[in-house]
Amino acid sequence: MDRIDLTPYFVEGKGYKTGRPRCDAEKLLKVILFAFMENGYCSLREIEKLCNNDIRFMYLLDEMKAPTFATFGNFIRNELTTNIEDIFNDINSYIFDKEKVDLNHTYIDGTKIEANANKYTWVWKKSCTRNRLKVFGYDSELIDEIIKDSSEEA
């Protein structure tokens, strides 16, 4: 995010001279985009709660006091030139172009993780160890058949 120029998404500064110092617009945008990425559409009060409780949001704020939901609302309403979804899509397309991400292939990981794990809920280990040799033998037979068929065709 630090390499992306975010200034086109902000309204030009009005040069406020009175009142409290304003919150950093880039930090607020980073927090909103991260909340959008993590939770989809979430309420401004939920973003405020995340800023107070979640260490990841605190890191994005960089020791800035957690803004209130009204600050987020005023920022979105008054300071942004486009909606959050368009900004999110622009940043994603920039990352895809810059990092040469291939969007034509999907990779699936077969990791199995038990959600509410305790010593009685994991049932895969015994069956996996018991049937490992049988499955390995079956796979070996299939590979041998494929090699045999390809050598007969050649």
N, C-alpha and C. Protein backbone atom coordinates (compact mmCIF):
# COMPACT_ATOMS: atom_id res chain seq x y z
N MET A 1 0.82 -1.20 0.00
CA MET A 1 0.00 0.00 0.00
C MET A 1 0.86 1.26 0.00
N ASP A 2 2.06 1.19 0.55
CA ASP A 2 2.89 2.38 0.63
C ASP A 2 3.40 2.81 -0.74
N ARG A 3 3.45 1.88 -1.70
CA ARG A 3 3.94 2.22 -3.04
C ARG A 3 2.85 2.76 -3.95
N ILE A 4 1.61 2.68 -3.52
CA ILE A 4 0.48 3.12 -4.34
C ILE A 4 0.15 4.57 -3.99
N ASP A 5 -0.01 5.39 -5.01
CA ASP A 5 -0.38 6.79 -4.80
C ASP A 5 -1.88 6.87 -4.55
N LEU A 6 -2.25 7.22 -3.32
CA LEU A 6 -3.66 7.27 -2.93
C LEU A 6 -4.27 8.66 -3.06
N THR A 7 -3.48 9.64 -3.43
CA THR A 7 -3.99 11.02 -3.48
C THR A 7 -5.13 11.23 -4.46
N PRO A 8 -5.24 10.49 -5.59
CA PRO A 8 -6.39 10.74 -6.47
C PRO A 8 -7.74 10.39 -5.84
N TYR A 9 -7.73 9.63 -4.77
CA TYR A 9 -8.98 9.22 -4.14
C TYR A 9 -9.46 10.21 -3.08
N PHE A 10 -8.67 11.24 -2.79
CA PHE A 10 -9.04 12.20 -1.76
C PHE A 10 -9.42 13.53 -2.40
N VAL A 11 -10.35 14.23 -1.74
CA VAL A 11 -10.71 15.58 -2.14
C VAL A 11 -9.53 16.48 -1.81
N GLU A 12 -9.26 17.47 -2.67
CA GLU A 12 -8.13 18.37 -2.41
C GLU A 12 -8.31 19.07 -1.08
N GLY A 13 -7.21 19.20 -0.33
CA GLY A 13 -7.23 19.77 1.01
C GLY A 13 -7.78 21.18 1.05
N LYS A 14 -8.57 21.46 2.07
CA LYS A 14 -9.19 22.77 2.21
C LYS A 14 -8.36 23.68 3.11
N GLY A 15 -7.28 23.15 3.70
CA GLY A 15 -6.40 23.98 4.52
C GLY A 15 -7.06 24.45 5.80
N TYR A 16 -7.57 23.51 6.60
CA TYR A 16 -8.20 23.88 7.86
C TYR A 16 -7.15 24.47 8.80
N LYS A 17 -7.49 25.60 9.43
CA LYS A 17 -6.54 26.26 10.32
C LYS A 17 -6.99 26.22 11.78
N THR A 18 -8.25 25.92 12.03
CA THR A 18 -8.73 25.89 13.41
C THR A 18 -9.24 24.49 13.75
N GLY A 19 -9.44 24.26 15.03
CA GLY A 19 -9.98 22.98 15.47
C GLY A 19 -8.90 21.96 15.73
N ARG A 20 -9.35 20.77 16.02
CA ARG A 20 -8.45 19.66 16.30
C ARG A 20 -7.66 19.26 15.08
N PRO A 21 -6.45 18.72 15.25
CA PRO A 21 -5.72 18.20 14.09
C PRO A 21 -6.49 17.06 13.44
N ARG A 22 -6.47 17.03 12.13
CA ARG A 22 -7.23 16.03 11.39
C ARG A 22 -6.52 14.68 11.42
N CYS A 23 -7.30 13.62 11.28
CA CYS A 23 -6.74 12.27 11.19
C CYS A 23 -6.07 12.10 9.84
N ASP A 24 -5.05 11.28 9.79
CA ASP A 24 -4.33 11.01 8.55
C ASP A 24 -5.26 10.26 7.60
N ALA A 25 -5.51 10.84 6.43
CA ALA A 25 -6.46 10.27 5.47
C ALA A 25 -5.99 8.92 4.95
N GLU A 26 -4.70 8.76 4.71
CA GLU A 26 -4.20 7.49 4.19
C GLU A 26 -4.38 6.36 5.20
N LYS A 27 -4.15 6.64 6.47
CA LYS A 27 -4.34 5.62 7.50
C LYS A 27 -5.80 5.23 7.60
N LEU A 28 -6.70 6.21 7.55
CA LEU A 28 -8.12 5.91 7.60
C LEU A 28 -8.55 5.06 6.41
N LEU A 29 -8.04 5.39 5.23
CA LEU A 29 -8.38 4.62 4.04
C LEU A 29 -7.85 3.20 4.14
N LYS A 30 -6.64 3.03 4.65
CA LYS A 30 -6.07 1.69 4.82
C LYS A 30 -6.92 0.86 5.78
N VAL A 31 -7.36 1.47 6.87
CA VAL A 31 -8.19 0.75 7.84
C VAL A 31 -9.51 0.35 7.21
N ILE A 32 -10.14 1.25 6.47
CA ILE A 32 -11.43 0.96 5.85
C ILE A 32 -11.28 -0.13 4.80
N LEU A 33 -10.23 -0.06 3.99
CA LEU A 33 -10.02 -1.08 2.96
C LEU A 33 -9.72 -2.45 3.59
N PHE A 34 -8.96 -2.46 4.68
CA PHE A 34 -8.66 -3.72 5.34
C PHE A 34 -9.93 -4.32 5.95
N ALA A 35 -10.77 -3.48 6.54
CA ALA A 35 -12.04 -3.97 7.09
C ALA A 35 -12.93 -4.49 5.97
N PHE A 36 -12.93 -3.81 4.82
CA PHE A 36 -13.71 -4.25 3.66
C PHE A 36 -13.19 -5.59 3.16
N MET A 37 -11.88 -5.76 3.15
CA MET A 37 -11.27 -7.00 2.68
C MET A 37 -11.57 -8.14 3.65
N GLU A 38 -11.49 -7.90 4.93
CA GLU A 38 -11.68 -8.94 5.94
C GLU A 38 -13.14 -9.32 6.13
N ASN A 39 -14.02 -8.33 6.20
CA ASN A 39 -15.40 -8.57 6.62
C ASN A 39 -16.44 -8.26 5.56
N GLY A 40 -16.02 -7.81 4.38
CA GLY A 40 -17.01 -7.36 3.40
C GLY A 40 -17.58 -6.04 3.88
N TYR A 41 -18.85 -5.83 3.64
CA TYR A 41 -19.48 -4.60 4.11
C TYR A 41 -19.72 -4.72 5.61
N CYS A 42 -19.12 -3.83 6.38
CA CYS A 42 -19.36 -3.84 7.82
C CYS A 42 -19.68 -2.41 8.27
N SER A 43 -20.31 -2.32 9.43
CA SER A 43 -20.75 -1.02 9.91
C SER A 43 -19.57 -0.20 10.40
N LEU A 44 -19.77 1.10 10.46
CA LEU A 44 -18.73 2.00 10.93
C LEU A 44 -18.45 1.78 12.41
N ARG A 45 -19.47 1.41 13.16
CA ARG A 45 -19.27 1.11 14.58
C ARG A 45 -18.43 -0.16 14.74
N GLU A 46 -18.61 -1.12 13.84
CA GLU A 46 -17.80 -2.33 13.89
C GLU A 46 -16.33 -2.02 13.56
N ILE A 47 -16.11 -1.12 12.60
CA ILE A 47 -14.74 -0.71 12.28
C ILE A 47 -14.10 -0.02 13.48
N GLU A 48 -14.88 0.82 14.16
CA GLU A 48 -14.36 1.49 15.36
C GLU A 48 -13.97 0.47 16.43
N LYS A 49 -14.82 -0.56 16.62
CA LYS A 49 -14.52 -1.59 17.60
C LYS A 49 -13.28 -2.39 17.20
N LEU A 50 -13.13 -2.67 15.91
CA LEU A 50 -11.94 -3.38 15.43
C LEU A 50 -10.68 -2.55 15.69
N CYS A 51 -10.77 -1.25 15.50
CA CYS A 51 -9.61 -0.39 15.74
C CYS A 51 -9.20 -0.37 17.20
N ASN A 52 -10.15 -0.56 18.10
CA ASN A 52 -9.85 -0.57 19.52
C ASN A 52 -9.36 -1.92 20.02
N ASN A 53 -9.75 -3.03 19.33
CA ASN A 53 -9.48 -4.37 19.86
C ASN A 53 -8.54 -5.22 19.02
N ASP A 54 -8.50 -5.02 17.73
CA ASP A 54 -7.73 -5.91 16.85
C ASP A 54 -6.33 -5.33 16.61
N ILE A 55 -5.32 -6.12 16.87
CA ILE A 55 -3.94 -5.66 16.77
C ILE A 55 -3.56 -5.29 15.34
N ARG A 56 -4.17 -5.94 14.36
CA ARG A 56 -3.87 -5.62 12.96
C ARG A 56 -4.32 -4.21 12.60
N PHE A 57 -5.48 -3.83 13.09
CA PHE A 57 -5.98 -2.48 12.83
C PHE A 57 -5.17 -1.44 13.59
N MET A 58 -4.73 -1.79 14.79
CA MET A 58 -3.88 -0.88 15.55
C MET A 58 -2.56 -0.65 14.82
N TYR A 59 -2.04 -1.70 14.19
CA TYR A 59 -0.80 -1.57 13.42
C TYR A 59 -1.01 -0.63 12.23
N LEU A 60 -2.16 -0.74 11.55
CA LEU A 60 -2.43 0.14 10.42
C LEU A 60 -2.57 1.59 10.86
N LEU A 61 -3.09 1.81 12.06
CA LEU A 61 -3.24 3.17 12.56
C LEU A 61 -1.91 3.77 13.00
N ASP A 62 -0.91 2.94 13.23
CA ASP A 62 0.45 3.39 13.55
C ASP A 62 0.45 4.36 14.74
N GLU A 63 -0.01 3.85 15.88
CA GLU A 63 -0.03 4.58 17.15
C GLU A 63 -0.94 5.81 17.15
N MET A 64 -1.80 5.92 16.16
CA MET A 64 -2.80 6.99 16.16
C MET A 64 -3.98 6.51 17.02
N LYS A 65 -4.60 7.40 17.74
CA LYS A 65 -5.75 7.05 18.56
C LYS A 65 -6.86 6.53 17.64
N ALA A 66 -7.55 5.50 18.10
CA ALA A 66 -8.60 4.88 17.28
C ALA A 66 -9.70 5.89 16.99
N PRO A 67 -10.02 6.11 15.70
CA PRO A 67 -11.07 7.06 15.36
C PRO A 67 -12.45 6.54 15.73
N THR A 68 -13.38 7.46 15.90
CA THR A 68 -14.76 7.07 16.19
C THR A 68 -15.48 6.74 14.90
N PHE A 69 -16.67 6.15 15.03
CA PHE A 69 -17.46 5.82 13.84
C PHE A 69 -17.85 7.08 13.09
N ALA A 70 -18.05 8.19 13.80
CA ALA A 70 -18.41 9.46 13.14
C ALA A 70 -17.25 9.97 12.29
N THR A 71 -16.01 9.77 12.75
CA THR A 71 -14.84 10.18 11.97
C THR A 71 -14.78 9.39 10.67
N PHE A 72 -15.03 8.08 10.76
CA PHE A 72 -15.04 7.25 9.54
C PHE A 72 -16.15 7.70 8.60
N GLY A 73 -17.32 7.98 9.16
CA GLY A 73 -18.45 8.42 8.34
C GLY A 73 -18.17 9.74 7.64
N ASN A 74 -17.64 10.71 8.38
CA ASN A 74 -17.30 12.01 7.78
C ASN A 74 -16.21 11.86 6.73
N PHE A 75 -15.25 10.99 6.98
CA PHE A 75 -14.17 10.76 6.02
C PHE A 75 -14.73 10.18 4.72
N ILE A 76 -15.57 9.17 4.83
CA ILE A 76 -16.13 8.54 3.63
C ILE A 76 -17.02 9.53 2.89
N ARG A 77 -17.81 10.28 3.62
CA ARG A 77 -18.78 11.20 3.01
C ARG A 77 -18.11 12.43 2.41
N ASN A 78 -17.12 12.99 3.09
CA ASN A 78 -16.59 14.30 2.70
C ASN A 78 -15.21 14.27 2.04
N GLU A 79 -14.41 13.26 2.31
CA GLU A 79 -13.01 13.29 1.88
C GLU A 79 -12.70 12.39 0.68
N LEU A 80 -13.53 11.38 0.41
CA LEU A 80 -13.24 10.46 -0.69
C LEU A 80 -13.93 10.90 -1.97
N THR A 81 -13.24 10.72 -3.10
CA THR A 81 -13.81 11.12 -4.39
C THR A 81 -14.63 10.00 -5.02
N THR A 82 -14.33 8.74 -4.71
CA THR A 82 -15.09 7.60 -5.24
C THR A 82 -15.48 6.70 -4.10
N ASN A 83 -16.29 5.67 -4.41
CA ASN A 83 -16.70 4.77 -3.34
C ASN A 83 -15.61 3.75 -3.02
N ILE A 84 -15.72 3.11 -1.89
CA ILE A 84 -14.69 2.19 -1.39
C ILE A 84 -14.50 1.03 -2.34
N GLU A 85 -15.58 0.52 -2.91
CA GLU A 85 -15.47 -0.64 -3.80
C GLU A 85 -14.62 -0.32 -5.03
N ASP A 86 -14.78 0.87 -5.61
CA ASP A 86 -13.97 1.26 -6.77
C ASP A 86 -12.50 1.40 -6.39
N ILE A 87 -12.23 1.98 -5.23
CA ILE A 87 -10.85 2.12 -4.77
C ILE A 87 -10.23 0.74 -4.56
N PHE A 88 -10.97 -0.16 -3.93
CA PHE A 88 -10.50 -1.52 -3.69
C PHE A 88 -10.19 -2.22 -5.01
N ASN A 89 -11.07 -2.09 -6.00
CA ASN A 89 -10.84 -2.71 -7.32
C ASN A 89 -9.64 -2.10 -8.02
N ASP A 90 -9.46 -0.78 -7.92
CA ASP A 90 -8.30 -0.13 -8.54
C ASP A 90 -6.99 -0.63 -7.93
N ILE A 91 -6.97 -0.76 -6.62
CA ILE A 91 -5.76 -1.22 -5.94
C ILE A 91 -5.47 -2.67 -6.30
N ASN A 92 -6.52 -3.50 -6.35
CA ASN A 92 -6.32 -4.90 -6.76
C ASN A 92 -5.78 -5.00 -8.18
N SER A 93 -6.33 -4.23 -9.10
CA SER A 93 -5.83 -4.28 -10.49
C SER A 93 -4.39 -3.80 -10.57
N TYR A 94 -4.03 -2.79 -9.77
CA TYR A 94 -2.64 -2.33 -9.73
C TYR A 94 -1.72 -3.45 -9.25
N ILE A 95 -2.13 -4.14 -8.19
CA ILE A 95 -1.31 -5.24 -7.65
C ILE A 95 -1.21 -6.37 -8.66
N PHE A 96 -2.31 -6.71 -9.34
CA PHE A 96 -2.28 -7.79 -10.32
C PHE A 96 -1.35 -7.45 -11.48
N ASP A 97 -1.37 -6.19 -11.92
CA ASP A 97 -0.50 -5.78 -13.02
C ASP A 97 0.97 -5.72 -12.58
N LYS A 98 1.21 -5.16 -11.41
CA LYS A 98 2.58 -4.97 -10.94
C LYS A 98 3.26 -6.29 -10.59
N GLU A 99 2.54 -7.19 -9.97
CA GLU A 99 3.12 -8.45 -9.52
C GLU A 99 2.93 -9.58 -10.53
N LYS A 100 2.32 -9.30 -11.67
CA LYS A 100 2.10 -10.30 -12.72
C LYS A 100 1.33 -11.51 -12.18
N VAL A 101 0.21 -11.26 -11.51
CA VAL A 101 -0.61 -12.32 -10.95
C VAL A 101 -1.43 -12.95 -12.07
N ASP A 102 -1.39 -14.28 -12.17
CA ASP A 102 -2.14 -15.00 -13.18
C ASP A 102 -3.54 -15.29 -12.63
N LEU A 103 -4.55 -14.68 -13.23
CA LEU A 103 -5.92 -14.85 -12.75
C LEU A 103 -6.67 -15.95 -13.49
N ASN A 104 -5.99 -16.66 -14.39
CA ASN A 104 -6.65 -17.71 -15.17
C ASN A 104 -6.61 -19.07 -14.48
N HIS A 105 -5.79 -19.22 -13.46
CA HIS A 105 -5.67 -20.50 -12.78
C HIS A 105 -6.08 -20.37 -11.32
N THR A 106 -6.70 -21.41 -10.82
CA THR A 106 -7.08 -21.47 -9.42
C THR A 106 -6.35 -22.64 -8.79
N TYR A 107 -5.75 -22.41 -7.65
CA TYR A 107 -5.04 -23.46 -6.95
C TYR A 107 -5.80 -23.81 -5.68
N ILE A 108 -5.96 -25.10 -5.47
CA ILE A 108 -6.72 -25.58 -4.32
C ILE A 108 -5.78 -26.33 -3.39
N ASP A 109 -5.84 -25.99 -2.14
CA ASP A 109 -5.03 -26.65 -1.13
C ASP A 109 -5.90 -27.70 -0.44
N GLY A 110 -5.39 -28.89 -0.23
CA GLY A 110 -6.17 -29.97 0.36
C GLY A 110 -5.99 -30.11 1.85
N THR A 111 -5.57 -29.07 2.52
CA THR A 111 -5.34 -29.14 3.97
C THR A 111 -6.66 -29.29 4.70
N LYS A 112 -6.70 -30.22 5.64
CA LYS A 112 -7.89 -30.40 6.47
C LYS A 112 -7.58 -29.92 7.87
N ILE A 113 -8.35 -28.97 8.34
CA ILE A 113 -8.16 -28.43 9.69
C ILE A 113 -9.47 -28.58 10.43
N GLU A 114 -9.41 -29.21 11.57
CA GLU A 114 -10.61 -29.40 12.38
C GLU A 114 -10.94 -28.09 13.09
N ALA A 115 -12.20 -27.68 13.03
CA ALA A 115 -12.58 -26.38 13.57
C ALA A 115 -12.57 -26.37 15.10
N ASN A 116 -13.30 -27.25 15.71
CA ASN A 116 -13.38 -27.29 17.17
C ASN A 116 -12.63 -28.55 17.62
N ALA A 117 -11.33 -28.48 17.53
CA ALA A 117 -10.51 -29.68 17.73
C ALA A 117 -10.36 -30.01 19.21
N ASN A 118 -10.57 -31.27 19.49
CA ASN A 118 -10.17 -31.84 20.76
C ASN A 118 -9.75 -33.27 20.47
N LYS A 119 -9.39 -34.04 21.46
CA LYS A 119 -8.78 -35.33 21.18
C LYS A 119 -9.78 -36.35 20.62
N TYR A 120 -11.08 -36.06 20.66
CA TYR A 120 -12.06 -37.01 20.17
C TYR A 120 -12.64 -36.64 18.80
N THR A 121 -12.31 -35.49 18.26
CA THR A 121 -12.96 -35.08 17.01
C THR A 121 -12.15 -35.39 15.76
N TRP A 122 -10.86 -35.64 15.88
CA TRP A 122 -10.04 -35.88 14.69
C TRP A 122 -10.17 -37.36 14.32
N VAL A 123 -10.78 -37.64 13.14
CA VAL A 123 -11.02 -39.03 12.76
C VAL A 123 -10.20 -39.44 11.55
N TRP A 124 -9.45 -38.56 10.97
CA TRP A 124 -8.76 -38.87 9.72
C TRP A 124 -7.46 -39.63 9.92
N LYS A 125 -6.79 -39.46 11.03
CA LYS A 125 -5.44 -40.00 11.19
C LYS A 125 -5.40 -41.51 11.08
N LYS A 126 -6.26 -42.20 11.82
CA LYS A 126 -6.24 -43.66 11.80
C LYS A 126 -6.58 -44.21 10.42
N SER A 127 -7.61 -43.65 9.81
CA SER A 127 -8.00 -44.16 8.50
C SER A 127 -6.93 -43.86 7.46
N CYS A 128 -6.26 -42.71 7.58
CA CYS A 128 -5.19 -42.38 6.64
C CYS A 128 -4.01 -43.32 6.79
N THR A 129 -3.60 -43.59 8.02
CA THR A 129 -2.45 -44.47 8.22
C THR A 129 -2.80 -45.92 7.87
N ARG A 130 -4.03 -46.33 8.11
CA ARG A 130 -4.44 -47.69 7.82
C ARG A 130 -4.52 -47.94 6.32
N ASN A 131 -5.01 -46.96 5.56
CA ASN A 131 -5.26 -47.17 4.13
C ASN A 131 -4.16 -46.59 3.24
N ARG A 132 -3.11 -46.06 3.83
CA ARG A 132 -2.05 -45.41 3.05
C ARG A 132 -1.42 -46.37 2.05
N LEU A 133 -1.06 -47.58 2.47
CA LEU A 133 -0.42 -48.54 1.57
C LEU A 133 -1.37 -49.00 0.47
N LYS A 134 -2.65 -49.16 0.81
CA LYS A 134 -3.63 -49.58 -0.19
C LYS A 134 -3.79 -48.51 -1.27
N VAL A 135 -3.89 -47.26 -0.85
CA VAL A 135 -4.03 -46.15 -1.81
C VAL A 135 -2.76 -45.99 -2.63
N PHE A 136 -1.60 -46.13 -2.00
CA PHE A 136 -0.34 -46.04 -2.72
C PHE A 136 -0.23 -47.13 -3.77
N GLY A 137 -0.65 -48.36 -3.41
CA GLY A 137 -0.64 -49.46 -4.38
C GLY A 137 -1.58 -49.21 -5.54
N TYR A 138 -2.76 -48.68 -5.25
CA TYR A 138 -3.73 -48.37 -6.30
C TYR A 138 -3.19 -47.30 -7.24
N ASP A 139 -2.58 -46.28 -6.67
CA ASP A 139 -1.99 -45.22 -7.51
C ASP A 139 -0.86 -45.77 -8.36
N SER A 140 -0.04 -46.65 -7.78
CA SER A 140 1.07 -47.23 -8.54
C SER A 140 0.55 -48.06 -9.71
N GLU A 141 -0.53 -48.83 -9.49
CA GLU A 141 -1.12 -49.61 -10.58
C GLU A 141 -1.62 -48.70 -11.70
N LEU A 142 -2.29 -47.60 -11.35
CA LEU A 142 -2.79 -46.67 -12.36
C LEU A 142 -1.64 -46.06 -13.16
N ILE A 143 -0.58 -45.67 -12.48
CA ILE A 143 0.57 -45.08 -13.17
C ILE A 143 1.21 -46.11 -14.10
N ASP A 144 1.31 -47.38 -13.64
CA ASP A 144 1.86 -48.43 -14.50
C ASP A 144 1.00 -48.64 -15.74
N GLU A 145 -0.34 -48.62 -15.58
CA GLU A 145 -1.24 -48.77 -16.73
C GLU A 145 -1.07 -47.61 -17.72
N ILE A 146 -0.94 -46.40 -17.20
CA ILE A 146 -0.77 -45.24 -18.08
C ILE A 146 0.53 -45.35 -18.85
N ILE A 147 1.60 -45.77 -18.17
CA ILE A 147 2.89 -45.93 -18.85
C ILE A 147 2.80 -47.02 -19.90
N LYS A 148 2.14 -48.13 -19.57
CA LYS A 148 1.99 -49.24 -20.51
C LYS A 148 1.18 -48.83 -21.73
N ASP A 149 0.07 -48.10 -21.51
CA ASP A 149 -0.78 -47.65 -22.63
C ASP A 149 -0.02 -46.67 -23.51
N SER A 150 0.76 -45.77 -22.92
CA SER A 150 1.50 -44.79 -23.73
C SER A 150 2.61 -45.47 -24.52
N SER A 151 3.24 -46.53 -23.96
CA SER A 151 4.29 -47.23 -24.70
C SER A 151 3.71 -48.08 -25.83
N GLU A 152 2.46 -48.62 -25.66
CA GLU A 152 1.83 -49.40 -26.73
C GLU A 152 1.42 -48.51 -27.90
N GLU A 153 0.97 -47.27 -27.59
CA GLU A 153 0.57 -46.35 -28.65
C GLU A 153 1.76 -45.85 -29.44
N ALA A 154 2.91 -45.76 -28.83
CA ALA A 154 4.08 -45.25 -29.50
C ALA A 154 4.70 -46.29 -30.36
